[in-house]
Each structure stands twice: as C-alpha cells, then as structure tokens.
Amino acid sequence: MPFVTVKSTAQPTTLFYEEVGEGRPVVFIHGWPLSSAMWEYQMGAVADAGFRAIAYDRRGFGRSDHPAAGYDYDTFADDLNAVLETLDLRDVTLVGFSMGGGEVARFMSRHGADRIASVVFASAVTPYLLKGDNNPDGVDGDVFTEMKEKLRDERPAFLETFGKQFFGQGMLSHPVSQATLDSSLVVAMQASKKGTLDCVDAFSKTDFRQDIASIRVPTLIIHGDDDKVIPIDASARRLAREIPGSVLKEYDGAPHALVITHKDDFNRDLVSFLQGSI
C-alpha cells in the first residue's frame, strides 16, 4: 500500500494515501471521524473528468499511523505539505471537508500557495467554530465538552448517534441506507481514541480567521443549509464574506455529509470548478 512518511515531527509518522486518474492533481482531506474512504464517490468522478484524484488518511485515522501526539492544525498542515512534497504535486486543488477545511486554511497560511491552484471548502469548520466574546455567532463550548464526555464513556454508542446527525437521518428523513450508516461507523472506529478525542479540541478551538485572510486563489465553498453539525451561518456564509471573490453554493435541505447524500450535485459542482466553469 502507498504511504508517505512525515519526518518533521518528533515521531516519524506514515500516512496512507490512494490515488486514481491522471492529470492536474486534486487532493482530498477527509472529515472527522472518518478517513479517506469517505471520498469514494468523488475519486472516480474526478478521475473520469481528467484529473488525478488523491486522498490520504489523517494521522490517527484509517490506515495511517496512530501516534500519541500531533493532533493540532500546525502538524496537520505540515502532514499535508509532506504529501504534496513527497508526491511532487503542483497546480493542486485542495478539497477539505468539515475539519479538513481547517487543514486547507492552515496550510495556505503556513506553507503558501506555490503548489496550489485553487481550494474547496465543503461543510467546513472554518473560519472559527467556538463561541466567545469575539465570536458571538459560534457554537457553544458545552457542545464539544459533551461530545468528548460521551466519546470517553462509550465511543461506539456516541459515534452511532453522531452518524445519524452527520447524514441527516431521522424519523422521517432517510437520505442514506442503513448499510451506509453501518459502514461509516466501522470506518470511524478504525481511528485511535486519542486522535478522535484530541481532534474535537482541534476543530472546535482553532481560530482560522487569520489563516483565511491569506487565501488569494480561486475558492469554492459548498454547504448544506440543514447542516446540524456545523451550522451554515457559523461557517460557510461567514467564510464567503471573508474570502474576496469566493463562490458559495448552498444546497437546499442538505445535511453535513453532503458529499455522500448529495454526491451528484457535489461532483457536478466540483468538476465544473476544476474545469473553470464556476
């Protein structure tokens, strides 16, 4: 299996990646608490459109190493940089979903745009989730504290419940099958408990507003207006205002996991953006 080794941290860490297709590279950064497996509907669509699709597992998740430390966005951005440098990728489009949007933002401010052609934020945590005096539109910190408590108490039970919210599953709403819910739980349980817990702090407490200010490449923002995990008012709508010239696509009734529940719409918009039609 293909791996990239990150040597810039105290403990060398190997990151699993997969790729398909040829052409200009598109690098996918997955959300919490999943892995690169979540991009299965995008990888083929992007490759069929004439691009090279690459997705990797974040440290602590999927088939990458599960180190005891390094679950912060500076390290995540350096991991992403290691993937780009090791594979010598240039003219790249970065696609970050949920907490993966944080990697995109921090990478751009920390490593610059020399290798980057454009960026996509999908259901992303940016610009800043945690509610506070200087961020009154954010999410209350008690939400994240409760998440961590439930993860410590019984991780499978919490992730099963979270998965339903993730996909917008309810009594009258069934956007995905039980098989999809079950397989996503299996993927989520492949992550280390330490990484799963630490990442809650990372994506909830990291302020990306200064990182966002450094983005000067074409930017596409996609978010569902029924996202119960990361409310659109606290994220995408603010993000669009803070990145001059960015394009915001709002999906009516879409939940957090729109790359799966609304995969045809998402793939159409992503490919159009890659081809310069958006």
C-alpha atoms as a PDB file:
ATOM      1  CA  MET A   1       0.000   0.000   0.000  1.00  0.00           C
ATOM      2  CA  PRO A   2       1.258   3.539  -0.711  1.00  0.00           C
ATOM      3  CA  PHE A   3       2.421   5.608   2.242  1.00  0.00           C
ATOM      4  CA  VAL A   4       4.095   8.972   2.830  1.00  0.00           C
ATOM      5  CA  THR A   5       6.430   9.259   5.821  1.00  0.00           C
ATOM      6  CA  VAL A   6       6.391  12.518   7.755  1.00  0.00           C
ATOM      7  CA  LYS A   7       9.757  13.105   9.440  1.00  0.00           C
ATOM      8  CA  SER A   8       9.239  16.681  10.640  1.00  0.00           C
ATOM      9  CA  THR A   9       7.611  15.612  13.917  1.00  0.00           C
ATOM     10  CA  ALA A  10       9.265  14.071  16.979  1.00  0.00           C
ATOM     11  CA  GLN A  11       7.913  10.680  15.993  1.00  0.00           C
ATOM     12  CA  PRO A  12       8.086   9.817  12.257  1.00  0.00           C
ATOM     13  CA  THR A  13       4.560   9.100  11.072  1.00  0.00           C
ATOM     14  CA  THR A  14       3.376   7.258   7.965  1.00  0.00           C
ATOM     15  CA  LEU A  15       0.251   8.443   6.167  1.00  0.00           C
ATOM     16  CA  PHE A  16      -1.727   6.160   3.902  1.00  0.00           C
ATOM     17  CA  TYR A  17      -2.925   7.551   0.591  1.00  0.00           C
ATOM     18  CA  GLU A  18      -4.652   6.317  -2.539  1.00  0.00           C
ATOM     19  CA  GLU A  19      -4.894   7.820  -5.997  1.00  0.00           C
ATOM     20  CA  VAL A  20      -6.638   7.286  -9.308  1.00  0.00           C
ATOM     21  CA  GLY A  21      -6.538   9.031 -12.668  1.00  0.00           C
ATOM     22  CA  GLU A  22      -4.072  11.262 -14.464  1.00  0.00           C
ATOM     23  CA  GLY A  23      -3.850  14.999 -14.966  1.00  0.00           C
ATOM     24  CA  ARG A  24      -3.867  18.003 -12.693  1.00  0.00           C
ATOM     25  CA  PRO A  25      -3.938  16.816  -9.059  1.00  0.00           C
ATOM     26  CA  VAL A  26      -6.906  17.161  -6.704  1.00  0.00           C
ATOM     27  CA  VAL A  27      -6.101  16.355  -3.062  1.00  0.00           C
ATOM     28  CA  PHE A  28      -8.978  15.409  -0.752  1.00  0.00           C
ATOM     29  CA  ILE A  29      -8.765  15.937   3.032  1.00  0.00           C
ATOM     30  CA  HIS A  30     -11.386  13.989   4.968  1.00  0.00           C
ATOM     31  CA  GLY A  31     -13.590  14.934   7.886  1.00  0.00           C
ATOM     32  CA  TRP A  32     -13.846  13.755  11.477  1.00  0.00           C
ATOM     33  CA  PRO A  33     -14.159  10.950  12.497  1.00  0.00           C
ATOM     34  CA  LEU A  34     -13.778   9.179   9.130  1.00  0.00           C
ATOM     35  CA  SER A  35     -10.913   8.532   6.712  1.00  0.00           C
ATOM     36  CA  SER A  36     -10.129   8.880   3.022  1.00  0.00           C
ATOM     37  CA  ALA A  37     -12.731   6.158   2.434  1.00  0.00           C
ATOM     38  CA  MET A  38     -15.414   8.856   2.620  1.00  0.00           C
ATOM     39  CA  TRP A  39     -14.297  10.186  -0.788  1.00  0.00           C
ATOM     40  CA  GLU A  40     -15.160   7.055  -2.798  1.00  0.00           C
ATOM     41  CA  TYR A  41     -17.883   8.866  -4.780  1.00  0.00           C
ATOM     42  CA  GLN A  42     -15.594  11.762  -5.654  1.00  0.00           C
ATOM     43  CA  MET A  43     -12.407   9.919  -6.568  1.00  0.00           C
ATOM     44  CA  GLY A  44     -13.857   8.207  -9.638  1.00  0.00           C
ATOM     45  CA  ALA A  45     -15.849  11.246 -10.763  1.00  0.00           C
ATOM     46  CA  VAL A  46     -12.783  13.484 -10.659  1.00  0.00           C
ATOM     47  CA  ALA A  47     -10.605  10.891 -12.423  1.00  0.00           C
ATOM     48  CA  ASP A  48     -13.232  10.392 -15.132  1.00  0.00           C
ATOM     49  CA  ALA A  49     -13.188  14.156 -15.711  1.00  0.00           C
ATOM     50  CA  GLY A  50      -9.457  14.050 -16.492  1.00  0.00           C
ATOM     51  CA  PHE A  51      -7.853  14.800 -13.141  1.00  0.00           C
ATOM     52  CA  ARG A  52      -5.574  12.928 -10.732  1.00  0.00           C
ATOM     53  CA  ALA A  53      -7.519  12.276  -7.532  1.00  0.00           C
ATOM     54  CA  ILE A  54      -5.537  11.735  -4.318  1.00  0.00           C
ATOM     55  CA  ALA A  55      -6.921  11.148  -0.823  1.00  0.00           C
ATOM     56  CA  TYR A  56      -4.987  10.411   2.348  1.00  0.00           C
ATOM     57  CA  ASP A  57      -5.813   9.367   5.899  1.00  0.00           C
ATOM     58  CA  ARG A  58      -5.102  11.958   8.587  1.00  0.00           C
ATOM     59  CA  ARG A  59      -2.699  10.826  11.328  1.00  0.00           C
ATOM     60  CA  GLY A  60      -4.615   8.808  13.902  1.00  0.00           C
ATOM     61  CA  PHE A  61      -7.296   7.773  11.403  1.00  0.00           C
ATOM     62  CA  GLY A  62      -7.840   4.982   8.903  1.00  0.00           C
ATOM     63  CA  ARG A  63      -4.700   3.208   7.712  1.00  0.00           C
ATOM     64  CA  SER A  64      -2.256   5.922   8.741  1.00  0.00           C
ATOM     65  CA  ASP A  65      -0.153   5.643  11.899  1.00  0.00           C
ATOM     66  CA  HIS A  66      -1.830   6.372  15.227  1.00  0.00           C
ATOM     67  CA  PRO A  67       0.787   8.366  17.145  1.00  0.00           C
ATOM     68  CA  ALA A  68       0.251   9.597  20.697  1.00  0.00           C
ATOM     69  CA  ALA A  69       0.611  13.270  19.759  1.00  0.00           C
ATOM     70  CA  GLY A  70       0.425  15.733  16.895  1.00  0.00           C
ATOM     71  CA  TYR A  71      -3.319  16.339  16.710  1.00  0.00           C
ATOM     72  CA  ASP A  72      -3.125  20.064  16.082  1.00  0.00           C
ATOM     73  CA  TYR A  73      -3.539  22.072  12.910  1.00  0.00           C
ATOM     74  CA  ASP A  74       0.087  23.125  12.552  1.00  0.00           C
ATOM     75  CA  THR A  75       1.020  19.444  12.459  1.00  0.00           C
ATOM     76  CA  PHE A  76      -1.909  18.566  10.183  1.00  0.00           C
ATOM     77  CA  ALA A  77      -0.826  21.295   7.743  1.00  0.00           C
ATOM     78  CA  ASP A  78       2.742  20.001   7.814  1.00  0.00           C
ATOM     79  CA  ASP A  79       1.439  16.486   7.133  1.00  0.00           C
ATOM     80  CA  LEU A  80      -0.438  17.784   4.101  1.00  0.00           C
ATOM     81  CA  ASN A  81       2.700  19.573   2.950  1.00  0.00           C
ATOM     82  CA  ALA A  82       4.632  16.299   3.255  1.00  0.00           C
ATOM     83  CA  VAL A  83       2.088  14.608   0.971  1.00  0.00           C
ATOM     84  CA  LEU A  84       2.416  17.356  -1.640  1.00  0.00           C
ATOM     85  CA  GLU A  85       6.217  17.432  -1.481  1.00  0.00           C
ATOM     86  CA  THR A  86       6.731  13.671  -1.445  1.00  0.00           C
ATOM     87  CA  LEU A  87       4.464  13.187  -4.463  1.00  0.00           C
ATOM     88  CA  ASP A  88       5.818  16.422  -6.011  1.00  0.00           C
ATOM     89  CA  LEU A  89       2.326  17.735  -6.658  1.00  0.00           C
ATOM     90  CA  ARG A  90       1.885  21.135  -8.308  1.00  0.00           C
ATOM     91  CA  ASP A  91      -1.049  23.173  -9.596  1.00  0.00           C
ATOM     92  CA  VAL A  92      -3.119  21.400  -6.930  1.00  0.00           C
ATOM     93  CA  THR A  93      -6.732  21.876  -5.918  1.00  0.00           C
ATOM     94  CA  LEU A  94      -7.212  21.181  -2.209  1.00  0.00           C
ATOM     95  CA  VAL A  95     -10.661  19.900  -1.176  1.00  0.00           C
ATOM     96  CA  GLY A  96     -11.278  19.966   2.571  1.00  0.00           C
ATOM     97  CA  PHE A  97     -14.403  18.525   4.148  1.00  0.00           C
ATOM     98  CA  SER A  98     -15.520  19.527   7.660  1.00  0.00           C
ATOM     99  CA  MET A  99     -12.385  19.568   9.852  1.00  0.00           C
ATOM    100  CA  GLY A 100     -10.419  19.061   6.633  1.00  0.00           C
ATOM    101  CA  GLY A 101     -11.298  22.632   5.746  1.00  0.00           C
ATOM    102  CA  GLY A 102      -9.091  23.639   8.647  1.00  0.00           C
ATOM    103  CA  GLU A 103      -6.126  21.869   7.059  1.00  0.00           C
ATOM    104  CA  VAL A 104      -6.710  23.813   3.859  1.00  0.00           C
ATOM    105  CA  ALA A 105      -6.803  27.153   5.694  1.00  0.00           C
ATOM    106  CA  ARG A 106      -3.787  26.471   7.922  1.00  0.00           C
ATOM    107  CA  PHE A 107      -1.778  25.040   5.021  1.00  0.00           C
ATOM    108  CA  MET A 108      -2.339  28.178   2.955  1.00  0.00           C
ATOM    109  CA  SER A 109      -1.075  30.482   5.705  1.00  0.00           C
ATOM    110  CA  ARG A 110       1.733  28.186   6.859  1.00  0.00           C
ATOM    111  CA  HIS A 111       3.094  26.911   3.532  1.00  0.00           C
ATOM    112  CA  GLY A 112       1.785  29.342   0.941  1.00  0.00           C
ATOM    113  CA  ALA A 113       0.204  28.885  -2.467  1.00  0.00           C
ATOM    114  CA  ASP A 114       3.236  27.965  -4.597  1.00  0.00           C
ATOM    115  CA  ARG A 115       1.828  24.491  -5.247  1.00  0.00           C
ATOM    116  CA  ILE A 116      -1.850  25.457  -5.067  1.00  0.00           C
ATOM    117  CA  ALA A 117      -4.166  26.444  -7.934  1.00  0.00           C
ATOM    118  CA  SER A 118      -7.457  26.598  -6.035  1.00  0.00           C
ATOM    119  CA  VAL A 119      -9.249  25.425  -2.891  1.00  0.00           C
ATOM    120  CA  VAL A 120     -12.643  23.975  -1.964  1.00  0.00           C
ATOM    121  CA  PHE A 121     -14.304  24.103   1.458  1.00  0.00           C
ATOM    122  CA  ALA A 122     -17.115  21.549   1.894  1.00  0.00           C
ATOM    123  CA  SER A 123     -19.211  21.623   5.099  1.00  0.00           C
ATOM    124  CA  ALA A 124     -16.088  23.145   6.631  1.00  0.00           C
ATOM    125  CA  VAL A 125     -15.341  24.221  10.209  1.00  0.00           C
ATOM    126  CA  THR A 126     -13.807  27.495   9.024  1.00  0.00           C
ATOM    127  CA  PRO A 127     -13.493  30.311   9.918  1.00  0.00           C
ATOM    128  CA  TYR A 128     -13.949  29.643  13.684  1.00  0.00           C
ATOM    129  CA  LEU A 129     -16.423  27.392  15.458  1.00  0.00           C
ATOM    130  CA  LEU A 130     -16.118  28.164  19.165  1.00  0.00           C
ATOM    131  CA  LYS A 131     -18.488  30.802  20.521  1.00  0.00           C
ATOM    132  CA  GLY A 132     -16.896  33.594  22.525  1.00  0.00           C
ATOM    133  CA  ASP A 133     -16.876  37.333  23.118  1.00  0.00           C
ATOM    134  CA  ASN A 134     -15.060  37.910  19.836  1.00  0.00           C
ATOM    135  CA  ASN A 135     -17.025  35.177  18.031  1.00  0.00           C
ATOM    136  CA  PRO A 136     -20.670  35.516  19.109  1.00  0.00           C
ATOM    137  CA  ASP A 137     -22.008  33.539  16.131  1.00  0.00           C
ATOM    138  CA  GLY A 138     -20.039  30.406  17.023  1.00  0.00           C
ATOM    139  CA  VAL A 139     -21.118  27.146  18.660  1.00  0.00           C
ATOM    140  CA  ASP A 140     -21.349  26.937  22.444  1.00  0.00           C
ATOM    141  CA  GLY A 141     -18.356  25.207  24.044  1.00  0.00           C
ATOM    142  CA  ASP A 142     -20.603  22.909  26.078  1.00  0.00           C
ATOM    143  CA  VAL A 143     -21.466  21.089  22.852  1.00  0.00           C
ATOM    144  CA  PHE A 144     -17.863  19.996  22.376  1.00  0.00           C
ATOM    145  CA  THR A 145     -17.360  19.205  26.056  1.00  0.00           C
ATOM    146  CA  GLU A 146     -20.347  16.863  25.922  1.00  0.00           C
ATOM    147  CA  MET A 147     -19.019  15.232  22.766  1.00  0.00           C
ATOM    148  CA  LYS A 148     -15.748  14.388  24.500  1.00  0.00           C
ATOM    149  CA  GLU A 149     -17.518  13.087  27.600  1.00  0.00           C
ATOM    150  CA  LYS A 150     -19.633  10.726  25.517  1.00  0.00           C
ATOM    151  CA  LEU A 151     -16.627   9.588  23.492  1.00  0.00           C
ATOM    152  CA  ARG A 152     -14.773   8.704  26.682  1.00  0.00           C
ATOM    153  CA  ASP A 153     -17.792   6.932  28.147  1.00  0.00           C
ATOM    154  CA  GLU A 154     -18.805   4.778  25.174  1.00  0.00           C
ATOM    155  CA  ARG A 155     -17.265   5.720  21.856  1.00  0.00           C
ATOM    156  CA  PRO A 156     -19.236   3.295  19.617  1.00  0.00           C
ATOM    157  CA  ALA A 157     -22.578   4.456  21.006  1.00  0.00           C
ATOM    158  CA  PHE A 158     -21.714   8.124  20.551  1.00  0.00           C
ATOM    159  CA  LEU A 159     -20.414   7.609  17.022  1.00  0.00           C
ATOM    160  CA  GLU A 160     -23.521   5.652  16.063  1.00  0.00           C
ATOM    161  CA  THR A 161     -25.744   8.528  17.215  1.00  0.00           C
ATOM    162  CA  PHE A 162     -23.464  11.150  15.691  1.00  0.00           C
ATOM    163  CA  GLY A 163     -23.552   9.280  12.385  1.00  0.00           C
ATOM    164  CA  LYS A 164     -27.295   9.801  12.102  1.00  0.00           C
ATOM    165  CA  GLN A 165     -26.863  13.546  12.620  1.00  0.00           C
ATOM    166  CA  PHE A 166     -23.916  13.532  10.216  1.00  0.00           C
ATOM    167  CA  PHE A 167     -26.095  12.120   7.432  1.00  0.00           C
ATOM    168  CA  GLY A 168     -29.303  13.901   8.416  1.00  0.00           C
ATOM    169  CA  GLN A 169     -31.025  10.652   9.318  1.00  0.00           C
ATOM    170  CA  GLY A 170     -34.270  10.996  11.284  1.00  0.00           C
ATOM    171  CA  MET A 171     -37.720   9.546  11.831  1.00  0.00           C
ATOM    172  CA  LEU A 172     -38.975  10.928   8.507  1.00  0.00           C
ATOM    173  CA  SER A 173     -35.688  11.517   6.726  1.00  0.00           C
ATOM    174  CA  HIS A 174     -33.599   8.670   5.286  1.00  0.00           C
ATOM    175  CA  PRO A 175     -31.031  10.159   2.896  1.00  0.00           C
ATOM    176  CA  VAL A 176     -28.743   7.105   3.152  1.00  0.00           C
ATOM    177  CA  SER A 177     -29.195   3.386   3.737  1.00  0.00           C
ATOM    178  CA  GLN A 178     -28.555   1.521   6.954  1.00  0.00           C
ATOM    179  CA  ALA A 179     -25.602  -0.081   5.172  1.00  0.00           C
ATOM    180  CA  THR A 180     -24.001   3.338   4.718  1.00  0.00           C
ATOM    181  CA  LEU A 181     -24.560   4.192   8.368  1.00  0.00           C
ATOM    182  CA  ASP A 182     -23.051   0.860   9.430  1.00  0.00           C
ATOM    183  CA  SER A 183     -20.010   1.123   7.167  1.00  0.00           C
ATOM    184  CA  SER A 184     -19.311   4.683   8.319  1.00  0.00           C
ATOM    185  CA  LEU A 185     -19.356   3.530  11.931  1.00  0.00           C
ATOM    186  CA  VAL A 186     -16.814   0.836  11.086  1.00  0.00           C
ATOM    187  CA  VAL A 187     -14.555   3.443   9.454  1.00  0.00           C
ATOM    188  CA  ALA A 188     -14.918   5.797  12.434  1.00  0.00           C
ATOM    189  CA  MET A 189     -13.977   3.020  14.862  1.00  0.00           C
ATOM    190  CA  GLN A 190     -10.732   2.409  12.943  1.00  0.00           C
ATOM    191  CA  ALA A 191      -9.420   5.722  14.297  1.00  0.00           C
ATOM    192  CA  SER A 192      -7.455   5.912  17.517  1.00  0.00           C
ATOM    193  CA  LYS A 193      -9.440   7.014  20.551  1.00  0.00           C
ATOM    194  CA  LYS A 194      -6.711   9.556  21.379  1.00  0.00           C
ATOM    195  CA  GLY A 195      -6.840  11.071  17.916  1.00  0.00           C
ATOM    196  CA  THR A 196     -10.628  11.111  17.904  1.00  0.00           C
ATOM    197  CA  LEU A 197     -10.730  12.968  21.225  1.00  0.00           C
ATOM    198  CA  ASP A 198      -7.892  15.396  20.523  1.00  0.00           C
ATOM    199  CA  CYS A 199      -9.364  16.372  17.183  1.00  0.00           C
ATOM    200  CA  VAL A 200     -12.526  17.625  18.891  1.00  0.00           C
ATOM    201  CA  ASP A 201     -10.384  20.257  20.601  1.00  0.00           C
ATOM    202  CA  ALA A 202      -8.515  20.953  17.366  1.00  0.00           C
ATOM    203  CA  PHE A 203     -11.503  21.636  15.154  1.00  0.00           C
ATOM    204  CA  SER A 204     -13.574  23.404  17.812  1.00  0.00           C
ATOM    205  CA  LYS A 205     -10.939  25.660  19.380  1.00  0.00           C
ATOM    206  CA  THR A 206      -8.733  26.628  16.442  1.00  0.00           C
ATOM    207  CA  ASP A 207      -9.328  30.140  15.107  1.00  0.00           C
ATOM    208  CA  PHE A 208      -8.731  30.169  11.342  1.00  0.00           C
ATOM    209  CA  ARG A 209      -9.645  33.796  10.711  1.00  0.00           C
ATOM    210  CA  GLN A 210      -6.059  34.922  10.185  1.00  0.00           C
ATOM    211  CA  ASP A 211      -5.383  31.858   8.024  1.00  0.00           C
ATOM    212  CA  ILE A 212      -8.391  32.662   5.863  1.00  0.00           C
ATOM    213  CA  ALA A 213      -7.026  36.155   5.264  1.00  0.00           C
ATOM    214  CA  SER A 214      -4.067  34.622   3.408  1.00  0.00           C
ATOM    215  CA  ILE A 215      -6.184  32.844   0.766  1.00  0.00           C
ATOM    216  CA  ARG A 216      -5.872  34.531  -2.621  1.00  0.00           C
ATOM    217  CA  VAL A 217      -6.617  31.659  -5.009  1.00  0.00           C
ATOM    218  CA  PRO A 218      -9.969  30.718  -6.586  1.00  0.00           C
ATOM    219  CA  THR A 219     -12.197  29.364  -3.822  1.00  0.00           C
ATOM    220  CA  LEU A 220     -15.397  27.305  -3.891  1.00  0.00           C
ATOM    221  CA  ILE A 221     -17.482  26.930  -0.720  1.00  0.00           C
ATOM    222  CA  ILE A 222     -20.233  24.292  -0.539  1.00  0.00           C
ATOM    223  CA  HIS A 223     -22.500  23.816   2.472  1.00  0.00           C
ATOM    224  CA  GLY A 224     -25.938  22.445   3.252  1.00  0.00           C
ATOM    225  CA  ASP A 225     -28.496  24.768   4.799  1.00  0.00           C
ATOM    226  CA  ASP A 226     -29.750  21.923   7.015  1.00  0.00           C
ATOM    227  CA  ASP A 227     -26.325  21.066   8.435  1.00  0.00           C
ATOM    228  CA  LYS A 228     -26.886  20.287  12.126  1.00  0.00           C
ATOM    229  CA  VAL A 229     -23.204  19.512  12.795  1.00  0.00           C
ATOM    230  CA  ILE A 230     -21.694  22.775  11.521  1.00  0.00           C
ATOM    231  CA  PRO A 231     -24.433  25.384  11.073  1.00  0.00           C
ATOM    232  CA  ILE A 232     -24.110  27.292   7.822  1.00  0.00           C
ATOM    233  CA  ASP A 233     -24.458  30.706   9.486  1.00  0.00           C
ATOM    234  CA  ALA A 234     -21.478  29.989  11.739  1.00  0.00           C
ATOM    235  CA  SER A 235     -19.318  28.754   8.894  1.00  0.00           C
ATOM    236  CA  ALA A 236     -19.851  28.918   5.128  1.00  0.00           C
ATOM    237  CA  ARG A 237     -21.743  32.214   4.969  1.00  0.00           C
ATOM    238  CA  ARG A 238     -19.131  33.915   7.132  1.00  0.00           C
ATOM    239  CA  LEU A 239     -16.309  32.264   5.191  1.00  0.00           C
ATOM    240  CA  ALA A 240     -17.675  33.530   1.879  1.00  0.00           C
ATOM    241  CA  ARG A 241     -17.692  37.078   3.211  1.00  0.00           C
ATOM    242  CA  GLU A 242     -14.078  36.792   4.358  1.00  0.00           C
ATOM    243  CA  ILE A 243     -12.605  35.419   1.097  1.00  0.00           C
ATOM    244  CA  PRO A 244     -12.946  38.030  -1.676  1.00  0.00           C
ATOM    245  CA  GLY A 245     -14.171  36.544  -4.942  1.00  0.00           C
ATOM    246  CA  SER A 246     -15.118  33.193  -3.451  1.00  0.00           C
ATOM    247  CA  VAL A 247     -18.157  31.300  -4.738  1.00  0.00           C
ATOM    248  CA  LEU A 248     -20.699  29.972  -2.233  1.00  0.00           C
ATOM    249  CA  LYS A 249     -23.028  27.114  -3.191  1.00  0.00           C
ATOM    250  CA  GLU A 250     -25.790  26.400  -0.687  1.00  0.00           C
ATOM    251  CA  TYR A 251     -27.574  23.059  -1.003  1.00  0.00           C
ATOM    252  CA  ASP A 252     -31.206  23.258  -0.007  1.00  0.00           C
ATOM    253  CA  GLY A 253     -32.028  20.743   2.732  1.00  0.00           C
ATOM    254  CA  ALA A 254     -28.577  19.143   2.674  1.00  0.00           C
ATOM    255  CA  PRO A 255     -27.062  17.747   5.906  1.00  0.00           C
ATOM    256  CA  HIS A 256     -23.415  17.766   6.915  1.00  0.00           C
ATOM    257  CA  ALA A 257     -22.406  14.749   4.801  1.00  0.00           C
ATOM    258  CA  LEU A 258     -23.465  16.298   1.512  1.00  0.00           C
ATOM    259  CA  VAL A 259     -20.538  14.743  -0.364  1.00  0.00           C
ATOM    260  CA  ILE A 260     -22.463  11.483   0.077  1.00  0.00           C
ATOM    261  CA  THR A 261     -26.125  12.467   0.429  1.00  0.00           C
ATOM    262  CA  HIS A 262     -25.878  14.984  -2.434  1.00  0.00           C
ATOM    263  CA  LYS A 263     -22.960  13.393  -4.249  1.00  0.00           C
ATOM    264  CA  ASP A 264     -24.258  14.042  -7.780  1.00  0.00           C
ATOM    265  CA  ASP A 265     -24.715  17.762  -7.106  1.00  0.00           C
ATOM    266  CA  PHE A 266     -21.396  17.990  -5.305  1.00  0.00           C
ATOM    267  CA  ASN A 267     -19.478  16.124  -8.011  1.00  0.00           C
ATOM    268  CA  ARG A 268     -21.047  18.269 -10.748  1.00  0.00           C
ATOM    269  CA  ASP A 269     -20.099  21.494  -8.975  1.00  0.00           C
ATOM    270  CA  LEU A 270     -16.618  20.265  -8.072  1.00  0.00           C
ATOM    271  CA  VAL A 271     -15.813  19.173 -11.630  1.00  0.00           C
ATOM    272  CA  SER A 272     -17.224  22.417 -13.036  1.00  0.00           C
ATOM    273  CA  PHE A 273     -14.995  24.361 -10.650  1.00  0.00           C
ATOM    274  CA  LEU A 274     -11.950  22.286 -11.620  1.00  0.00           C
ATOM    275  CA  GLN A 275     -12.703  22.926 -15.290  1.00  0.00           C
ATOM    276  CA  GLY A 276     -13.070  26.654 -14.687  1.00  0.00           C
ATOM    277  CA  SER A 277     -16.800  26.774 -15.347  1.00  0.00           C
ATOM    278  CA  ILE A 278     -17.645  28.192 -11.910  1.00  0.00           C
END
